[in-house]
């Protein structure tokens, strides 16, 4: 199953701000794989939001929600150190998209 991927402005700004080129590429590849149905290492964090873990660098996370079973909305991102705040922000954003 293929998914349409959409990004929020918050996610886009976060991804652009990553200085670690290796991590930035790994996250982009991970999103590409998700678009083809290979979600990989994903865990629900509640309220319709899931966490896609990227095991590189600082332990990056991508927070997303599914819409209509065919679209993935990338809400926000972060790393292990900001995980709790990132999850709270992603849950709030999911209610608004």
PDB file of N, CA and C in Angstrom:
ATOM      1  N   UNK A   1       0.831  -1.175   0.000  1.00  0.00           N
ATOM      2  CA  UNK A   1       0.000   0.000   0.000  1.00  0.00           C
ATOM      3  C   UNK A   1       0.878   1.242   0.000  1.00  0.00           C
ATOM      4  N   UNK A   2       0.551   2.187  -0.839  1.00  0.00           N
ATOM      5  CA  UNK A   2       1.273   3.454  -0.894  1.00  0.00           C
ATOM      6  C   UNK A   2       0.505   4.523  -0.135  1.00  0.00           C
ATOM      7  N   UNK A   3       1.252   5.418   0.499  1.00  0.00           N
ATOM      8  CA  UNK A   3       0.666   6.518   1.260  1.00  0.00           C
ATOM      9  C   UNK A   3       1.093   7.851   0.660  1.00  0.00           C
ATOM     10  N   UNK A   4       0.181   8.788   0.675  1.00  0.00           N
ATOM     11  CA  UNK A   4       0.505  10.167   0.344  1.00  0.00           C
ATOM     12  C   UNK A   4       1.125  10.778   1.598  1.00  0.00           C
ATOM     13  N   UNK A   5       2.262  11.444   1.445  1.00  0.00           N
ATOM     14  CA  UNK A   5       2.943  12.058   2.582  1.00  0.00           C
ATOM     15  C   UNK A   5       2.753  13.567   2.519  1.00  0.00           C
ATOM     16  N   UNK A   6       2.300  14.149   3.621  1.00  0.00           N
ATOM     17  CA  UNK A   6       2.198  15.604   3.731  1.00  0.00           C
ATOM     18  C   UNK A   6       2.963  16.042   4.971  1.00  0.00           C
ATOM     19  N   UNK A   7       3.574  17.220   4.881  1.00  0.00           N
ATOM     20  CA  UNK A   7       4.353  17.756   5.990  1.00  0.00           C
ATOM     21  C   UNK A   7       3.711  19.029   6.520  1.00  0.00           C
ATOM     22  N   UNK A   8       3.743  19.193   7.818  1.00  0.00           N
ATOM     23  CA  UNK A   8       3.350  20.480   8.389  1.00  0.00           C
ATOM     24  C   UNK A   8       4.549  21.424   8.272  1.00  0.00           C
ATOM     25  N   UNK A   9       4.290  22.705   8.417  1.00  0.00           N
ATOM     26  CA  UNK A   9       5.372  23.694   8.394  1.00  0.00           C
ATOM     27  C   UNK A   9       6.345  23.448   9.546  1.00  0.00           C
ATOM     28  N   UNK A  10       5.823  23.000  10.680  1.00  0.00           N
ATOM     29  CA  UNK A  10       6.668  22.707  11.848  1.00  0.00           C
ATOM     30  C   UNK A  10       7.639  21.580  11.520  1.00  0.00           C
ATOM     31  N   UNK A  11       7.141  20.505  10.907  1.00  0.00           N
ATOM     32  CA  UNK A  11       8.016  19.391  10.548  1.00  0.00           C
ATOM     33  C   UNK A  11       9.054  19.845   9.529  1.00  0.00           C
ATOM     34  N   UNK A  12       8.606  20.555   8.502  1.00  0.00           N
ATOM     35  CA  UNK A  12       9.507  21.008   7.438  1.00  0.00           C
ATOM     36  C   UNK A  12      10.646  21.852   8.018  1.00  0.00           C
ATOM     37  N   UNK A  13      10.325  22.790   8.897  1.00  0.00           N
ATOM     38  CA  UNK A  13      11.350  23.645   9.510  1.00  0.00           C
ATOM     39  C   UNK A  13      12.313  22.819  10.362  1.00  0.00           C
ATOM     40  N   UNK A  14      11.769  21.864  11.112  1.00  0.00           N
ATOM     41  CA  UNK A  14      12.622  21.013  11.943  1.00  0.00           C
ATOM     42  C   UNK A  14      13.584  20.213  11.075  1.00  0.00           C
ATOM     43  N   UNK A  15      13.079  19.583  10.025  1.00  0.00           N
ATOM     44  CA  UNK A  15      13.922  18.750   9.162  1.00  0.00           C
ATOM     45  C   UNK A  15      15.012  19.593   8.503  1.00  0.00           C
ATOM     46  N   UNK A  16      14.664  20.774   8.056  1.00  0.00           N
ATOM     47  CA  UNK A  16      15.655  21.663   7.434  1.00  0.00           C
ATOM     48  C   UNK A  16      16.720  22.107   8.428  1.00  0.00           C
ATOM     49  N   UNK A  17      16.380  22.171   9.710  1.00  0.00           N
ATOM     50  CA  UNK A  17      17.322  22.671  10.718  1.00  0.00           C
ATOM     51  C   UNK A  17      18.352  21.633  11.161  1.00  0.00           C
ATOM     52  N   UNK A  18      18.175  20.381  10.788  1.00  0.00           N
ATOM     53  CA  UNK A  18      19.102  19.325  11.207  1.00  0.00           C
ATOM     54  C   UNK A  18      20.447  19.549  10.521  1.00  0.00           C
ATOM     55  N   UNK A  19      21.488  19.641  11.316  1.00  0.00           N
ATOM     56  CA  UNK A  19      22.826  19.902  10.768  1.00  0.00           C
ATOM     57  C   UNK A  19      23.568  18.631  10.391  1.00  0.00           C
ATOM     58  N   UNK A  20      23.223  17.531  11.029  1.00  0.00           N
ATOM     59  CA  UNK A  20      23.871  16.246  10.759  1.00  0.00           C
ATOM     60  C   UNK A  20      23.340  15.716   9.428  1.00  0.00           C
ATOM     61  N   UNK A  21      24.151  15.857   8.376  1.00  0.00           N
ATOM     62  CA  UNK A  21      23.714  15.477   7.032  1.00  0.00           C
ATOM     63  C   UNK A  21      23.344  14.002   6.956  1.00  0.00           C
ATOM     64  N   UNK A  22      24.113  13.156   7.635  1.00  0.00           N
ATOM     65  CA  UNK A  22      23.824  11.720   7.622  1.00  0.00           C
ATOM     66  C   UNK A  22      22.441  11.440   8.213  1.00  0.00           C
ATOM     67  N   UNK A  23      22.119  12.110   9.302  1.00  0.00           N
ATOM     68  CA  UNK A  23      20.811  11.938   9.939  1.00  0.00           C
ATOM     69  C   UNK A  23      19.703  12.492   9.058  1.00  0.00           C
ATOM     70  N   UNK A  24      19.944  13.633   8.444  1.00  0.00           N
ATOM     71  CA  UNK A  24      18.938  14.255   7.580  1.00  0.00           C
ATOM     72  C   UNK A  24      18.581  13.330   6.415  1.00  0.00           C
ATOM     73  N   UNK A  25      19.597  12.717   5.815  1.00  0.00           N
ATOM     74  CA  UNK A  25      19.374  11.781   4.708  1.00  0.00           C
ATOM     75  C   UNK A  25      18.654  10.533   5.207  1.00  0.00           C
ATOM     76  N   UNK A  26      19.036  10.020   6.370  1.00  0.00           N
ATOM     77  CA  UNK A  26      18.389   8.823   6.926  1.00  0.00           C
ATOM     78  C   UNK A  26      16.909   9.080   7.184  1.00  0.00           C
ATOM     79  N   UNK A  27      16.571  10.266   7.681  1.00  0.00           N
ATOM     80  CA  UNK A  27      15.170  10.611   7.933  1.00  0.00           C
ATOM     81  C   UNK A  27      14.406  10.696   6.619  1.00  0.00           C
ATOM     82  N   UNK A  28      14.999  11.325   5.610  1.00  0.00           N
ATOM     83  CA  UNK A  28      14.347  11.430   4.295  1.00  0.00           C
ATOM     84  C   UNK A  28      14.111  10.047   3.693  1.00  0.00           C
ATOM     85  N   UNK A  29      15.094   9.164   3.819  1.00  0.00           N
ATOM     86  CA  UNK A  29      14.933   7.790   3.300  1.00  0.00           C
ATOM     87  C   UNK A  29      13.843   7.049   4.063  1.00  0.00           C
ATOM     88  N   UNK A  30      13.802   7.263   5.358  1.00  0.00           N
ATOM     89  CA  UNK A  30      12.788   6.609   6.188  1.00  0.00           C
ATOM     90  C   UNK A  30      11.390   7.031   5.764  1.00  0.00           C
ATOM     91  N   UNK A  31      11.219   8.318   5.472  1.00  0.00           N
ATOM     92  CA  UNK A  31       9.932   8.838   5.008  1.00  0.00           C
ATOM     93  C   UNK A  31       9.589   8.256   3.640  1.00  0.00           C
ATOM     94  N   UNK A  32      10.587   8.137   2.768  1.00  0.00           N
ATOM     95  CA  UNK A  32      10.352   7.524   1.451  1.00  0.00           C
ATOM     96  C   UNK A  32       9.874   6.082   1.602  1.00  0.00           C
ATOM     97  N   UNK A  33      10.508   5.326   2.492  1.00  0.00           N
ATOM     98  CA  UNK A  33      10.081   3.934   2.714  1.00  0.00           C
ATOM     99  C   UNK A  33       8.666   3.884   3.270  1.00  0.00           C
ATOM    100  N   UNK A  34       8.337   4.804   4.162  1.00  0.00           N
ATOM    101  CA  UNK A  34       6.983   4.850   4.730  1.00  0.00           C
ATOM    102  C   UNK A  34       5.956   5.110   3.637  1.00  0.00           C
ATOM    103  N   UNK A  35       6.311   5.919   2.651  1.00  0.00           N
ATOM    104  CA  UNK A  35       5.362   6.229   1.572  1.00  0.00           C
ATOM    105  C   UNK A  35       5.009   4.996   0.755  1.00  0.00           C
ATOM    106  N   UNK A  36       5.872   3.984   0.770  1.00  0.00           N
ATOM    107  CA  UNK A  36       5.596   2.748   0.039  1.00  0.00           C
ATOM    108  C   UNK A  36       4.972   1.678   0.926  1.00  0.00           C
ATOM    109  N   UNK A  37       4.638   2.049   2.158  1.00  0.00           N
ATOM    110  CA  UNK A  37       3.966   1.114   3.053  1.00  0.00           C
ATOM    111  C   UNK A  37       4.867   0.462   4.078  1.00  0.00           C
ATOM    112  N   UNK A  38       6.169   0.682   3.987  1.00  0.00           N
ATOM    113  CA  UNK A  38       7.114   0.106   4.937  1.00  0.00           C
ATOM    114  C   UNK A  38       7.331   1.095   6.081  1.00  0.00           C
ATOM    115  N   UNK A  39       6.482   1.021   7.099  1.00  0.00           N
ATOM    116  CA  UNK A  39       6.560   1.969   8.205  1.00  0.00           C
ATOM    117  C   UNK A  39       7.696   1.662   9.170  1.00  0.00           C
ATOM    118  N   UNK A  40       8.159   0.432   9.203  1.00  0.00           N
ATOM    119  CA  UNK A  40       9.306   0.087  10.032  1.00  0.00           C
ATOM    120  C   UNK A  40       9.057   0.234  11.519  1.00  0.00           C
ATOM    121  N   UNK A  41      10.037   0.786  12.230  1.00  0.00           N
ATOM    122  CA  UNK A  41      10.016   0.901  13.688  1.00  0.00           C
ATOM    123  C   UNK A  41       9.109   2.059  14.104  1.00  0.00           C
ATOM    124  N   UNK A  42       7.837   1.735  14.342  1.00  0.00           N
ATOM    125  CA  UNK A  42       6.816   2.736  14.665  1.00  0.00           C
ATOM    126  C   UNK A  42       6.095   2.303  15.933  1.00  0.00           C
ATOM    127  N   UNK A  43       5.782   3.287  16.778  1.00  0.00           N
ATOM    128  CA  UNK A  43       5.061   3.008  18.018  1.00  0.00           C
ATOM    129  C   UNK A  43       4.004   4.086  18.216  1.00  0.00           C
ATOM    130  N   UNK A  44       2.817   3.678  18.612  1.00  0.00           N
ATOM    131  CA  UNK A  44       1.763   4.638  18.930  1.00  0.00           C
ATOM    132  C   UNK A  44       2.117   5.343  20.236  1.00  0.00           C
ATOM    133  N   UNK A  45       1.908   6.675  20.242  1.00  0.00           N
ATOM    134  CA  UNK A  45       2.135   7.440  21.473  1.00  0.00           C
ATOM    135  C   UNK A  45       0.817   7.994  22.011  1.00  0.00           C
ATOM    136  N   UNK A  46      -0.301   7.588  21.389  1.00  0.00           N
ATOM    137  CA  UNK A  46      -1.627   7.972  21.858  1.00  0.00           C
ATOM    138  C   UNK A  46      -2.254   9.101  21.068  1.00  0.00           C
ATOM    139  N   UNK A  47      -3.564   9.228  21.199  1.00  0.00           N
ATOM    140  CA  UNK A  47      -4.344  10.282  20.544  1.00  0.00           C
ATOM    141  C   UNK A  47      -4.167  10.312  19.031  1.00  0.00           C
ATOM    142  N   UNK A  48      -3.966   9.139  18.427  1.00  0.00           N
ATOM    143  CA  UNK A  48      -3.851   9.060  16.975  1.00  0.00           C
ATOM    144  C   UNK A  48      -2.497   9.452  16.424  1.00  0.00           C
ATOM    145  N   UNK A  49      -1.513   9.630  17.294  1.00  0.00           N
ATOM    146  CA  UNK A  49      -0.163  10.024  16.879  1.00  0.00           C
ATOM    147  C   UNK A  49       0.773   8.835  17.056  1.00  0.00           C
ATOM    148  N   UNK A  50       1.659   8.666  16.086  1.00  0.00           N
ATOM    149  CA  UNK A  50       2.665   7.609  16.168  1.00  0.00           C
ATOM    150  C   UNK A  50       4.055   8.210  16.063  1.00  0.00           C
ATOM    151  N   UNK A  51       5.012   7.456  16.587  1.00  0.00           N
ATOM    152  CA  UNK A  51       6.414   7.873  16.603  1.00  0.00           C
ATOM    153  C   UNK A  51       7.200   6.937  15.695  1.00  0.00           C
ATOM    154  N   UNK A  52       7.863   7.492  14.708  1.00  0.00           N
ATOM    155  CA  UNK A  52       8.732   6.740  13.810  1.00  0.00           C
ATOM    156  C   UNK A  52      10.164   6.965  14.305  1.00  0.00           C
ATOM    157  N   UNK A  53      10.802   5.906  14.755  1.00  0.00           N
ATOM    158  CA  UNK A  53      12.152   6.043  15.304  1.00  0.00           C
ATOM    159  C   UNK A  53      13.189   5.856  14.205  1.00  0.00           C
ATOM    160  N   UNK A  54      14.186   6.735  14.226  1.00  0.00           N
ATOM    161  CA  UNK A  54      15.296   6.677  13.277  1.00  0.00           C
ATOM    162  C   UNK A  54      16.560   6.496  14.112  1.00  0.00           C
ATOM    163  N   UNK A  55      17.123   5.301  14.053  1.00  0.00           N
ATOM    164  CA  UNK A  55      18.265   4.964  14.910  1.00  0.00           C
ATOM    165  C   UNK A  55      19.576   5.430  14.297  1.00  0.00           C
ATOM    166  N   UNK A  56      19.774   6.726  14.348  1.00  0.00           N
ATOM    167  CA  UNK A  56      21.024   7.317  13.872  1.00  0.00           C
ATOM    168  C   UNK A  56      21.234   8.620  14.635  1.00  0.00           C
ATOM    169  N   UNK A  57      22.461   8.961  14.872  1.00  0.00           N
ATOM    170  CA  UNK A  57      22.744  10.232  15.544  1.00  0.00           C
ATOM    171  C   UNK A  57      22.149  10.294  16.938  1.00  0.00           C
ATOM    172  N   UNK A  58      21.382  11.352  17.178  1.00  0.00           N
ATOM    173  CA  UNK A  58      20.832  11.634  18.508  1.00  0.00           C
ATOM    174  C   UNK A  58      19.560  10.856  18.823  1.00  0.00           C
ATOM    175  N   UNK A  59      19.235   9.854  18.030  1.00  0.00           N
ATOM    176  CA  UNK A  59      18.002   9.101  18.255  1.00  0.00           C
ATOM    177  C   UNK A  59      16.798   9.894  17.800  1.00  0.00           C
ATOM    178  N   UNK A  60      16.784  10.246  16.533  1.00  0.00           N
ATOM    179  CA  UNK A  60      15.731  11.094  15.984  1.00  0.00           C
ATOM    180  C   UNK A  60      14.385  10.389  15.947  1.00  0.00           C
ATOM    181  N   UNK A  61      13.330  11.192  16.107  1.00  0.00           N
ATOM    182  CA  UNK A  61      11.951  10.715  16.052  1.00  0.00           C
ATOM    183  C   UNK A  61      11.162  11.600  15.105  1.00  0.00           C
ATOM    184  N   UNK A  62      10.250  10.981  14.366  1.00  0.00           N
ATOM    185  CA  UNK A  62       9.319  11.701  13.493  1.00  0.00           C
ATOM    186  C   UNK A  62       7.921  11.358  13.989  1.00  0.00           C
ATOM    187  N   UNK A  63       7.125  12.373  14.285  1.00  0.00           N
ATOM    188  CA  UNK A  63       5.769  12.175  14.797  1.00  0.00           C
ATOM    189  C   UNK A  63       4.779  12.424  13.675  1.00  0.00           C
ATOM    190  N   UNK A  64       3.837  11.482  13.528  1.00  0.00           N
ATOM    191  CA  UNK A  64       2.893  11.569  12.417  1.00  0.00           C
ATOM    192  C   UNK A  64       1.529  11.053  12.817  1.00  0.00           C
ATOM    193  N   UNK A  65       0.559  11.362  11.989  1.00  0.00           N
ATOM    194  CA  UNK A  65      -0.786  10.834  12.148  1.00  0.00           C
ATOM    195  C   UNK A  65      -1.255  10.348  10.788  1.00  0.00           C
ATOM    196  N   UNK A  66      -2.172   9.413  10.786  1.00  0.00           N
ATOM    197  CA  UNK A  66      -2.740   8.887   9.537  1.00  0.00           C
ATOM    198  C   UNK A  66      -4.096   9.535   9.311  1.00  0.00           C
ATOM    199  N   UNK A  67      -4.424   9.784   8.059  1.00  0.00           N
ATOM    200  CA  UNK A  67      -5.722  10.334   7.695  1.00  0.00           C
ATOM    201  C   UNK A  67      -6.326   9.484   6.582  1.00  0.00           C
ATOM    202  N   UNK A  68      -7.560   9.073   6.779  1.00  0.00           N
ATOM    203  CA  UNK A  68      -8.326   8.310   5.785  1.00  0.00           C
ATOM    204  C   UNK A  68      -7.624   7.034   5.332  1.00  0.00           C
ATOM    205  N   UNK A  69      -6.712   6.516   6.116  1.00  0.00           N
ATOM    206  CA  UNK A  69      -6.023   5.278   5.790  1.00  0.00           C
ATOM    207  C   UNK A  69      -5.122   5.358   4.577  1.00  0.00           C
ATOM    208  N   UNK A  70      -4.964   6.550   3.988  1.00  0.00           N
ATOM    209  CA  UNK A  70      -4.167   6.669   2.775  1.00  0.00           C
ATOM    210  C   UNK A  70      -3.170   7.824   2.821  1.00  0.00           C
ATOM    211  N   UNK A  71      -3.172   8.581   3.895  1.00  0.00           N
ATOM    212  CA  UNK A  71      -2.292   9.745   3.962  1.00  0.00           C
ATOM    213  C   UNK A  71      -1.586   9.781   5.311  1.00  0.00           C
ATOM    214  N   UNK A  72      -0.300  10.070   5.264  1.00  0.00           N
ATOM    215  CA  UNK A  72       0.499  10.254   6.465  1.00  0.00           C
ATOM    216  C   UNK A  72       0.821  11.739   6.562  1.00  0.00           C
ATOM    217  N   UNK A  73       0.467  12.340   7.689  1.00  0.00           N
ATOM    218  CA  UNK A  73       0.776  13.751   7.922  1.00  0.00           C
ATOM    219  C   UNK A  73       1.930  13.806   8.919  1.00  0.00           C
ATOM    220  N   UNK A  74       3.082  14.311   8.464  1.00  0.00           N
ATOM    221  CA  UNK A  74       4.249  14.462   9.323  1.00  0.00           C
ATOM    222  C   UNK A  74       4.051  15.713  10.167  1.00  0.00           C
ATOM    223  N   UNK A  75       3.917  15.537  11.462  1.00  0.00           N
ATOM    224  CA  UNK A  75       3.564  16.632  12.363  1.00  0.00           C
ATOM    225  C   UNK A  75       4.774  17.393  12.885  1.00  0.00           C
ATOM    226  N   UNK A  76       5.725  16.666  13.432  1.00  0.00           N
ATOM    227  CA  UNK A  76       6.874  17.291  14.089  1.00  0.00           C
ATOM    228  C   UNK A  76       7.990  16.263  14.190  1.00  0.00           C
ATOM    229  N   UNK A  77       9.129  16.710  14.646  1.00  0.00           N
ATOM    230  CA  UNK A  77      10.253  15.810  14.831  1.00  0.00           C
ATOM    231  C   UNK A  77      11.069  16.258  16.022  1.00  0.00           C
ATOM    232  N   UNK A  78      11.988  15.416  16.414  1.00  0.00           N
ATOM    233  CA  UNK A  78      12.853  15.743  17.532  1.00  0.00           C
ATOM    234  C   UNK A  78      13.815  14.605  17.780  1.00  0.00           C
ATOM    235  N   UNK A  79      14.454  14.646  18.927  1.00  0.00           N
ATOM    236  CA  UNK A  79      15.337  13.549  19.293  1.00  0.00           C
ATOM    237  C   UNK A  79      14.979  13.066  20.699  1.00  0.00           C
ATOM    238  N   UNK A  80      15.722  12.108  21.160  1.00  0.00           N
ATOM    239  CA  UNK A  80      15.395  11.477  22.444  1.00  0.00           C
ATOM    240  C   UNK A  80      15.343  12.499  23.584  1.00  0.00           C
ATOM    241  N   UNK A  81      16.186  13.519  23.523  1.00  0.00           N
ATOM    242  CA  UNK A  81      16.256  14.482  24.629  1.00  0.00           C
ATOM    243  C   UNK A  81      15.013  15.356  24.751  1.00  0.00           C
ATOM    244  N   UNK A  82      14.285  15.545  23.653  1.00  0.00           N
ATOM    245  CA  UNK A  82      13.094  16.409  23.677  1.00  0.00           C
ATOM    246  C   UNK A  82      11.807  15.615  23.473  1.00  0.00           C
ATOM    247  N   UNK A  83      11.884  14.305  23.646  1.00  0.00           N
ATOM    248  CA  UNK A  83      10.789  13.404  23.306  1.00  0.00           C
ATOM    249  C   UNK A  83       9.460  13.758  23.977  1.00  0.00           C
ATOM    250  N   UNK A  84       9.438  13.999  25.259  1.00  0.00           N
ATOM    251  CA  UNK A  84       8.174  14.273  25.957  1.00  0.00           C
ATOM    252  C   UNK A  84       7.498  15.530  25.428  1.00  0.00           C
ATOM    253  N   UNK A  85       8.262  16.598  25.265  1.00  0.00           N
ATOM    254  CA  UNK A  85       7.704  17.851  24.739  1.00  0.00           C
ATOM    255  C   UNK A  85       7.258  17.683  23.293  1.00  0.00           C
ATOM    256  N   UNK A  86       8.028  16.928  22.510  1.00  0.00           N
ATOM    257  CA  UNK A  86       7.682  16.703  21.099  1.00  0.00           C
ATOM    258  C   UNK A  86       6.374  15.933  20.972  1.00  0.00           C
ATOM    259  N   UNK A  87       6.173  14.947  21.832  1.00  0.00           N
ATOM    260  CA  UNK A  87       4.937  14.162  21.800  1.00  0.00           C
ATOM    261  C   UNK A  87       3.742  15.042  22.155  1.00  0.00           C
ATOM    262  N   UNK A  88       3.883  15.861  23.184  1.00  0.00           N
ATOM    263  CA  UNK A  88       2.789  16.775  23.549  1.00  0.00           C
ATOM    264  C   UNK A  88       2.442  17.706  22.389  1.00  0.00           C
ATOM    265  N   UNK A  89       3.463  18.266  21.746  1.00  0.00           N
ATOM    266  CA  UNK A  89       3.233  19.178  20.617  1.00  0.00           C
ATOM    267  C   UNK A  89       2.568  18.442  19.455  1.00  0.00           C
ATOM    268  N   UNK A  90       3.033  17.226  19.143  1.00  0.00           N
ATOM    269  CA  UNK A  90       2.469  16.462  18.028  1.00  0.00           C
ATOM    270  C   UNK A  90       1.003  16.115  18.284  1.00  0.00           C
ATOM    271  N   UNK A  91       0.664  15.753  19.516  1.00  0.00           N
ATOM    272  CA  UNK A  91      -0.730  15.432  19.841  1.00  0.00           C
ATOM    273  C   UNK A  91      -1.622  16.652  19.662  1.00  0.00           C
ATOM    274  N   UNK A  92      -1.138  17.803  20.083  1.00  0.00           N
ATOM    275  CA  UNK A  92      -1.904  19.038  19.911  1.00  0.00           C
ATOM    276  C   UNK A  92      -2.081  19.350  18.423  1.00  0.00           C
ATOM    277  N   UNK A  93      -1.015  19.195  17.654  1.00  0.00           N
ATOM    278  CA  UNK A  93      -1.072  19.471  16.216  1.00  0.00           C
ATOM    279  C   UNK A  93      -2.018  18.514  15.499  1.00  0.00           C
ATOM    280  N   UNK A  94      -2.034  17.244  15.930  1.00  0.00           N
ATOM    281  CA  UNK A  94      -2.885  16.244  15.275  1.00  0.00           C
ATOM    282  C   UNK A  94      -4.351  16.629  15.359  1.00  0.00           C
ATOM    283  N   UNK A  95      -4.729  17.285  16.433  1.00  0.00           N
ATOM    284  CA  UNK A  95      -6.122  17.718  16.585  1.00  0.00           C
ATOM    285  C   UNK A  95      -6.465  18.864  15.644  1.00  0.00           C
ATOM    286  N   UNK A  96      -5.448  19.575  15.172  1.00  0.00           N
ATOM    287  CA  UNK A  96      -5.659  20.755  14.338  1.00  0.00           C
ATOM    288  C   UNK A  96      -5.578  20.482  12.842  1.00  0.00           C
ATOM    289  N   UNK A  97      -5.036  19.323  12.452  1.00  0.00           N
ATOM    290  CA  UNK A  97      -4.925  19.022  11.004  1.00  0.00           C
ATOM    291  C   UNK A  97      -6.090  18.199  10.519  1.00  0.00           C
TER     292      UNK A  97
END
